[in-house]
Amino acid sequence: MKTKLFDLTPEQSAAVASKARVVVLTAGAGTGKTTTLVARYLAAVQAGLDAGQPLEAALAEVLAVTFTRKAAR
């Protein structure tokens, strides 16, 4: 999946495009987990905006949890 911000692998694209409410990504260091999650968050917000939600409502639909200090910065 090629987006304006990200050049994702097919596996990353599948995680971003998944309609599942919960997605768990596990992979080694430097494989693009954080990039994939950020792309997913942005896609979720964009979907809310496309559905006519105000930005605040679209943002309220996203919950992000990470377990590394580097990714949380």
PDB file of N, CA and C in Angstrom:
ATOM      1  N   MET A   1       0.852  -1.184   0.000  1.00  0.00           N
ATOM      2  CA  MET A   1       0.000   0.000   0.000  1.00  0.00           C
ATOM      3  C   MET A   1       0.888   1.234   0.000  1.00  0.00           C
ATOM      4  N   LYS A   2       0.769   2.057  -0.986  1.00  0.00           N
ATOM      5  CA  LYS A   2       1.530   3.303  -1.068  1.00  0.00           C
ATOM      6  C   LYS A   2       0.599   4.429  -0.646  1.00  0.00           C
ATOM      7  N   THR A   3       0.992   5.153   0.385  1.00  0.00           N
ATOM      8  CA  THR A   3       0.220   6.302   0.814  1.00  0.00           C
ATOM      9  C   THR A   3       1.082   7.543   0.633  1.00  0.00           C
ATOM     10  N   LYS A   4       0.531   8.687   0.909  1.00  0.00           N
ATOM     11  CA  LYS A   4       1.299   9.915   0.787  1.00  0.00           C
ATOM     12  C   LYS A   4       2.430   9.968   1.810  1.00  0.00           C
ATOM     13  N   LEU A   5       2.224   9.325   2.968  1.00  0.00           N
ATOM     14  CA  LEU A   5       3.218   9.389   4.026  1.00  0.00           C
ATOM     15  C   LEU A   5       4.061   8.135   4.179  1.00  0.00           C
ATOM     16  N   PHE A   6       3.536   6.989   3.776  1.00  0.00           N
ATOM     17  CA  PHE A   6       4.185   5.721   4.071  1.00  0.00           C
ATOM     18  C   PHE A   6       4.261   4.827   2.837  1.00  0.00           C
ATOM     19  N   ASP A   7       5.347   4.110   2.715  1.00  0.00           N
ATOM     20  CA  ASP A   7       5.494   3.074   1.697  1.00  0.00           C
ATOM     21  C   ASP A   7       5.488   1.753   2.458  1.00  0.00           C
ATOM     22  N   LEU A   8       4.337   1.089   2.535  1.00  0.00           N
ATOM     23  CA  LEU A   8       4.151  -0.085   3.376  1.00  0.00           C
ATOM     24  C   LEU A   8       4.310  -1.382   2.589  1.00  0.00           C
ATOM     25  N   THR A   9       4.766  -2.415   3.299  1.00  0.00           N
ATOM     26  CA  THR A   9       4.832  -3.750   2.713  1.00  0.00           C
ATOM     27  C   THR A   9       3.413  -4.310   2.615  1.00  0.00           C
ATOM     28  N   PRO A  10       3.218  -5.400   1.878  1.00  0.00           N
ATOM     29  CA  PRO A  10       1.886  -6.010   1.829  1.00  0.00           C
ATOM     30  C   PRO A  10       1.369  -6.419   3.215  1.00  0.00           C
ATOM     31  N   GLU A  11       2.247  -6.919   4.074  1.00  0.00           N
ATOM     32  CA  GLU A  11       1.826  -7.320   5.416  1.00  0.00           C
ATOM     33  C   GLU A  11       1.408  -6.103   6.241  1.00  0.00           C
ATOM     34  N   GLN A  12       2.176  -5.024   6.137  1.00  0.00           N
ATOM     35  CA  GLN A  12       1.832  -3.799   6.850  1.00  0.00           C
ATOM     36  C   GLN A  12       0.516  -3.231   6.327  1.00  0.00           C
ATOM     37  N   SER A  13       0.348  -3.247   5.015  1.00  0.00           N
ATOM     38  CA  SER A  13      -0.891  -2.752   4.404  1.00  0.00           C
ATOM     39  C   SER A  13      -2.102  -3.526   4.909  1.00  0.00           C
ATOM     40  N   ALA A  14      -1.945  -4.838   5.065  1.00  0.00           N
ATOM     41  CA  ALA A  14      -3.050  -5.663   5.567  1.00  0.00           C
ATOM     42  C   ALA A  14      -3.418  -5.256   6.987  1.00  0.00           C
ATOM     43  N   ALA A  15      -2.432  -4.961   7.812  1.00  0.00           N
ATOM     44  CA  ALA A  15      -2.707  -4.527   9.185  1.00  0.00           C
ATOM     45  C   ALA A  15      -3.409  -3.169   9.200  1.00  0.00           C
ATOM     46  N   VAL A  16      -2.975  -2.268   8.333  1.00  0.00           N
ATOM     47  CA  VAL A  16      -3.598  -0.936   8.261  1.00  0.00           C
ATOM     48  C   VAL A  16      -5.033  -1.035   7.766  1.00  0.00           C
ATOM     49  N   ALA A  17      -5.271  -1.858   6.755  1.00  0.00           N
ATOM     50  CA  ALA A  17      -6.593  -1.948   6.127  1.00  0.00           C
ATOM     51  C   ALA A  17      -7.567  -2.853   6.874  1.00  0.00           C
ATOM     52  N   SER A  18      -7.088  -3.613   7.841  1.00  0.00           N
ATOM     53  CA  SER A  18      -7.951  -4.550   8.563  1.00  0.00           C
ATOM     54  C   SER A  18      -9.123  -3.826   9.216  1.00  0.00           C
ATOM     55  N   LYS A  19     -10.303  -4.413   9.107  1.00  0.00           N
ATOM     56  CA  LYS A  19     -11.499  -3.846   9.730  1.00  0.00           C
ATOM     57  C   LYS A  19     -11.658  -4.321  11.182  1.00  0.00           C
ATOM     58  N   ALA A  20     -10.746  -5.177  11.644  1.00  0.00           N
ATOM     59  CA  ALA A  20     -10.795  -5.644  13.034  1.00  0.00           C
ATOM     60  C   ALA A  20     -10.593  -4.464  13.975  1.00  0.00           C
ATOM     61  N   ARG A  21     -11.315  -4.478  15.079  1.00  0.00           N
ATOM     62  CA  ARG A  21     -11.163  -3.398  16.050  1.00  0.00           C
ATOM     63  C   ARG A  21      -9.828  -3.477  16.783  1.00  0.00           C
ATOM     64  N   VAL A  22      -9.285  -4.675  16.921  1.00  0.00           N
ATOM     65  CA  VAL A  22      -8.018  -4.871  17.616  1.00  0.00           C
ATOM     66  C   VAL A  22      -7.027  -5.537  16.672  1.00  0.00           C
ATOM     67  N   VAL A  23      -5.857  -4.960  16.577  1.00  0.00           N
ATOM     68  CA  VAL A  23      -4.781  -5.535  15.777  1.00  0.00           C
ATOM     69  C   VAL A  23      -3.539  -5.586  16.660  1.00  0.00           C
ATOM     70  N   VAL A  24      -2.901  -6.733  16.712  1.00  0.00           N
ATOM     71  CA  VAL A  24      -1.662  -6.903  17.470  1.00  0.00           C
ATOM     72  C   VAL A  24      -0.536  -7.134  16.479  1.00  0.00           C
ATOM     73  N   LEU A  25       0.513  -6.335  16.595  1.00  0.00           N
ATOM     74  CA  LEU A  25       1.676  -6.484  15.734  1.00  0.00           C
ATOM     75  C   LEU A  25       2.848  -6.965  16.569  1.00  0.00           C
ATOM     76  N   THR A  26       3.472  -8.037  16.139  1.00  0.00           N
ATOM     77  CA  THR A  26       4.695  -8.510  16.789  1.00  0.00           C
ATOM     78  C   THR A  26       5.730  -8.745  15.707  1.00  0.00           C
ATOM     79  N   ALA A  27       6.899  -8.170  15.905  1.00  0.00           N
ATOM     80  CA  ALA A  27       7.984  -8.322  14.933  1.00  0.00           C
ATOM     81  C   ALA A  27       9.257  -7.827  15.595  1.00  0.00           C
ATOM     82  N   GLY A  28      10.361  -8.075  14.956  1.00  0.00           N
ATOM     83  CA  GLY A  28      11.649  -7.667  15.488  1.00  0.00           C
ATOM     84  C   GLY A  28      11.879  -6.171  15.396  1.00  0.00           C
ATOM     85  N   ALA A  29      12.982  -5.756  16.005  1.00  0.00           N
ATOM     86  CA  ALA A  29      13.346  -4.337  16.014  1.00  0.00           C
ATOM     87  C   ALA A  29      13.594  -3.839  14.590  1.00  0.00           C
ATOM     88  N   GLY A  30      13.124  -2.637  14.312  1.00  0.00           N
ATOM     89  CA  GLY A  30      13.395  -2.013  13.029  1.00  0.00           C
ATOM     90  C   GLY A  30      12.586  -2.530  11.858  1.00  0.00           C
ATOM     91  N   THR A  31      11.488  -3.233  12.142  1.00  0.00           N
ATOM     92  CA  THR A  31      10.702  -3.820  11.057  1.00  0.00           C
ATOM     93  C   THR A  31       9.518  -2.958  10.623  1.00  0.00           C
ATOM     94  N   GLY A  32       9.277  -1.851  11.308  1.00  0.00           N
ATOM     95  CA  GLY A  32       8.216  -0.945  10.898  1.00  0.00           C
ATOM     96  C   GLY A  32       6.916  -1.061  11.675  1.00  0.00           C
ATOM     97  N   LYS A  33       6.966  -1.615  12.883  1.00  0.00           N
ATOM     98  CA  LYS A  33       5.740  -1.741  13.690  1.00  0.00           C
ATOM     99  C   LYS A  33       5.137  -0.374  14.006  1.00  0.00           C
ATOM    100  N   THR A  34       5.963   0.541  14.452  1.00  0.00           N
ATOM    101  CA  THR A  34       5.457   1.867  14.816  1.00  0.00           C
ATOM    102  C   THR A  34       4.913   2.583  13.588  1.00  0.00           C
ATOM    103  N   THR A  35       5.604   2.499  12.472  1.00  0.00           N
ATOM    104  CA  THR A  35       5.127   3.109  11.227  1.00  0.00           C
ATOM    105  C   THR A  35       3.771   2.532  10.840  1.00  0.00           C
ATOM    106  N   THR A  36       3.627   1.225  10.962  1.00  0.00           N
ATOM    107  CA  THR A  36       2.366   0.561  10.627  1.00  0.00           C
ATOM    108  C   THR A  36       1.249   1.033  11.537  1.00  0.00           C
ATOM    109  N   LEU A  37       1.533   1.125  12.836  1.00  0.00           N
ATOM    110  CA  LEU A  37       0.510   1.573  13.781  1.00  0.00           C
ATOM    111  C   LEU A  37       0.108   3.018  13.529  1.00  0.00           C
ATOM    112  N   VAL A  38       1.075   3.879  13.248  1.00  0.00           N
ATOM    113  CA  VAL A  38       0.758   5.281  12.947  1.00  0.00           C
ATOM    114  C   VAL A  38      -0.101   5.365  11.685  1.00  0.00           C
ATOM    115  N   ALA A  39       0.235   4.591  10.663  1.00  0.00           N
ATOM    116  CA  ALA A  39      -0.580   4.583   9.439  1.00  0.00           C
ATOM    117  C   ALA A  39      -1.994   4.108   9.744  1.00  0.00           C
ATOM    118  N   ARG A  40      -2.123   3.114  10.616  1.00  0.00           N
ATOM    119  CA  ARG A  40      -3.450   2.616  10.996  1.00  0.00           C
ATOM    120  C   ARG A  40      -4.246   3.678  11.749  1.00  0.00           C
ATOM    121  N   TYR A  41      -3.599   4.364  12.673  1.00  0.00           N
ATOM    122  CA  TYR A  41      -4.279   5.433  13.419  1.00  0.00           C
ATOM    123  C   TYR A  41      -4.768   6.518  12.472  1.00  0.00           C
ATOM    124  N   LEU A  42      -3.890   6.937  11.567  1.00  0.00           N
ATOM    125  CA  LEU A  42      -4.279   7.979  10.617  1.00  0.00           C
ATOM    126  C   LEU A  42      -5.413   7.517   9.708  1.00  0.00           C
ATOM    127  N   ALA A  43      -5.387   6.259   9.306  1.00  0.00           N
ATOM    128  CA  ALA A  43      -6.468   5.722   8.469  1.00  0.00           C
ATOM    129  C   ALA A  43      -7.784   5.711   9.245  1.00  0.00           C
ATOM    130  N   ALA A  44      -7.733   5.379  10.531  1.00  0.00           N
ATOM    131  CA  ALA A  44      -8.951   5.362  11.357  1.00  0.00           C
ATOM    132  C   ALA A  44      -9.521   6.769  11.506  1.00  0.00           C
ATOM    133  N   VAL A  45      -8.645   7.734  11.738  1.00  0.00           N
ATOM    134  CA  VAL A  45      -9.105   9.125  11.854  1.00  0.00           C
ATOM    135  C   VAL A  45      -9.679   9.592  10.520  1.00  0.00           C
ATOM    136  N   GLN A  46      -8.996   9.288   9.423  1.00  0.00           N
ATOM    137  CA  GLN A  46      -9.491   9.692   8.103  1.00  0.00           C
ATOM    138  C   GLN A  46     -10.844   9.061   7.805  1.00  0.00           C
ATOM    139  N   ALA A  47     -11.028   7.809   8.193  1.00  0.00           N
ATOM    140  CA  ALA A  47     -12.317   7.143   7.972  1.00  0.00           C
ATOM    141  C   ALA A  47     -13.419   7.866   8.732  1.00  0.00           C
ATOM    142  N   GLY A  48     -13.127   8.291   9.939  1.00  0.00           N
ATOM    143  CA  GLY A  48     -14.111   9.054  10.706  1.00  0.00           C
ATOM    144  C   GLY A  48     -14.440  10.380  10.044  1.00  0.00           C
ATOM    145  N   LEU A  49     -13.420  11.073   9.561  1.00  0.00           N
ATOM    146  CA  LEU A  49     -13.641  12.343   8.867  1.00  0.00           C
ATOM    147  C   LEU A  49     -14.442  12.129   7.594  1.00  0.00           C
ATOM    148  N   ASP A  50     -14.115  11.059   6.857  1.00  0.00           N
ATOM    149  CA  ASP A  50     -14.847  10.746   5.625  1.00  0.00           C
ATOM    150  C   ASP A  50     -16.314  10.433   5.906  1.00  0.00           C
ATOM    151  N   ALA A  51     -16.591   9.917   7.105  1.00  0.00           N
ATOM    152  CA  ALA A  51     -17.963   9.586   7.492  1.00  0.00           C
ATOM    153  C   ALA A  51     -18.705  10.802   8.045  1.00  0.00           C
ATOM    154  N   GLY A  52     -18.038  11.959   8.036  1.00  0.00           N
ATOM    155  CA  GLY A  52     -18.693  13.183   8.467  1.00  0.00           C
ATOM    156  C   GLY A  52     -18.506  13.524   9.930  1.00  0.00           C
ATOM    157  N   GLN A  53     -17.678  12.787  10.639  1.00  0.00           N
ATOM    158  CA  GLN A  53     -17.436  13.112  12.043  1.00  0.00           C
ATOM    159  C   GLN A  53     -16.541  14.344  12.143  1.00  0.00           C
ATOM    160  N   PRO A  54     -16.752  15.172  13.156  1.00  0.00           N
ATOM    161  CA  PRO A  54     -15.787  16.241  13.398  1.00  0.00           C
ATOM    162  C   PRO A  54     -14.459  15.624  13.846  1.00  0.00           C
ATOM    163  N   LEU A  55     -13.384  16.362  13.698  1.00  0.00           N
ATOM    164  CA  LEU A  55     -12.054  15.849  14.031  1.00  0.00           C
ATOM    165  C   LEU A  55     -11.994  15.300  15.459  1.00  0.00           C
ATOM    166  N   GLU A  56     -12.564  16.014  16.413  1.00  0.00           N
ATOM    167  CA  GLU A  56     -12.509  15.576  17.811  1.00  0.00           C
ATOM    168  C   GLU A  56     -13.186  14.218  17.987  1.00  0.00           C
ATOM    169  N   ALA A  57     -14.286  14.002  17.303  1.00  0.00           N
ATOM    170  CA  ALA A  57     -14.991  12.722  17.395  1.00  0.00           C
ATOM    171  C   ALA A  57     -14.185  11.617  16.721  1.00  0.00           C
ATOM    172  N   ALA A  58     -13.568  11.925  15.585  1.00  0.00           N
ATOM    173  CA  ALA A  58     -12.757  10.928  14.889  1.00  0.00           C
ATOM    174  C   ALA A  58     -11.556  10.527  15.746  1.00  0.00           C
ATOM    175  N   LEU A  59     -10.936  11.502  16.391  1.00  0.00           N
ATOM    176  CA  LEU A  59      -9.798  11.210  17.265  1.00  0.00           C
ATOM    177  C   LEU A  59     -10.214  10.396  18.475  1.00  0.00           C
ATOM    178  N   ALA A  60     -11.426  10.615  18.964  1.00  0.00           N
ATOM    179  CA  ALA A  60     -11.916   9.891  20.142  1.00  0.00           C
ATOM    180  C   ALA A  60     -12.126   8.411  19.855  1.00  0.00           C
ATOM    181  N   GLU A  61     -12.127   8.017  18.589  1.00  0.00           N
ATOM    182  CA  GLU A  61     -12.321   6.626  18.201  1.00  0.00           C
ATOM    183  C   GLU A  61     -11.028   5.814  18.238  1.00  0.00           C
ATOM    184  N   VAL A  62      -9.897   6.453  18.498  1.00  0.00           N
ATOM    185  CA  VAL A  62      -8.599   5.785  18.420  1.00  0.00           C
ATOM    186  C   VAL A  62      -8.004   5.628  19.815  1.00  0.00           C
ATOM    187  N   LEU A  63      -7.595   4.411  20.124  1.00  0.00           N
ATOM    188  CA  LEU A  63      -6.845   4.133  21.349  1.00  0.00           C
ATOM    189  C   LEU A  63      -5.551   3.459  20.934  1.00  0.00           C
ATOM    190  N   ALA A  64      -4.439   4.047  21.297  1.00  0.00           N
ATOM    191  CA  ALA A  64      -3.135   3.497  20.933  1.00  0.00           C
ATOM    192  C   ALA A  64      -2.389   3.076  22.186  1.00  0.00           C
ATOM    193  N   VAL A  65      -1.857   1.874  22.162  1.00  0.00           N
ATOM    194  CA  VAL A  65      -1.064   1.369  23.283  1.00  0.00           C
ATOM    195  C   VAL A  65       0.229   0.819  22.723  1.00  0.00           C
ATOM    196  N   THR A  66       1.331   1.231  23.310  1.00  0.00           N
ATOM    197  CA  THR A  66       2.632   0.724  22.889  1.00  0.00           C
ATOM    198  C   THR A  66       3.427   0.321  24.123  1.00  0.00           C
ATOM    199  N   PHE A  67       4.352  -0.580  23.940  1.00  0.00           N
ATOM    200  CA  PHE A  67       5.095  -1.103  25.072  1.00  0.00           C
ATOM    201  C   PHE A  67       6.582  -0.879  25.001  1.00  0.00           C
ATOM    202  N   THR A  68       7.027   0.088  24.209  1.00  0.00           N
ATOM    203  CA  THR A  68       8.438   0.434  24.194  1.00  0.00           C
ATOM    204  C   THR A  68       8.590   1.918  24.434  1.00  0.00           C
ATOM    205  N   ARG A  69       9.637   2.296  25.106  1.00  0.00           N
ATOM    206  CA  ARG A  69       9.878   3.731  25.359  1.00  0.00           C
ATOM    207  C   ARG A  69      10.091   4.476  24.058  1.00  0.00           C
ATOM    208  N   LYS A  70      10.868   3.904  23.143  1.00  0.00           N
ATOM    209  CA  LYS A  70      11.169   4.571  21.882  1.00  0.00           C
ATOM    210  C   LYS A  70       9.902   4.863  21.093  1.00  0.00           C
ATOM    211  N   ALA A  71       9.000   3.899  20.997  1.00  0.00           N
ATOM    212  CA  ALA A  71       7.778   4.080  20.231  1.00  0.00           C
ATOM    213  C   ALA A  71       6.817   5.048  20.900  1.00  0.00           C
ATOM    214  N   ALA A  72       6.902   5.205  22.206  1.00  0.00           N
ATOM    215  CA  ALA A  72       5.988   6.072  22.932  1.00  0.00           C
ATOM    216  C   ALA A  72       6.379   7.537  22.834  1.00  0.00           C
ATOM    217  N   ARG A  73       7.565   7.821  22.361  1.00  0.00           N
ATOM    218  CA  ARG A  73       8.030   9.225  22.283  1.00  0.00           C
ATOM    219  C   ARG A  73       7.421   9.943  21.123  1.00  0.00           C
TER     220      ARG A  73
END
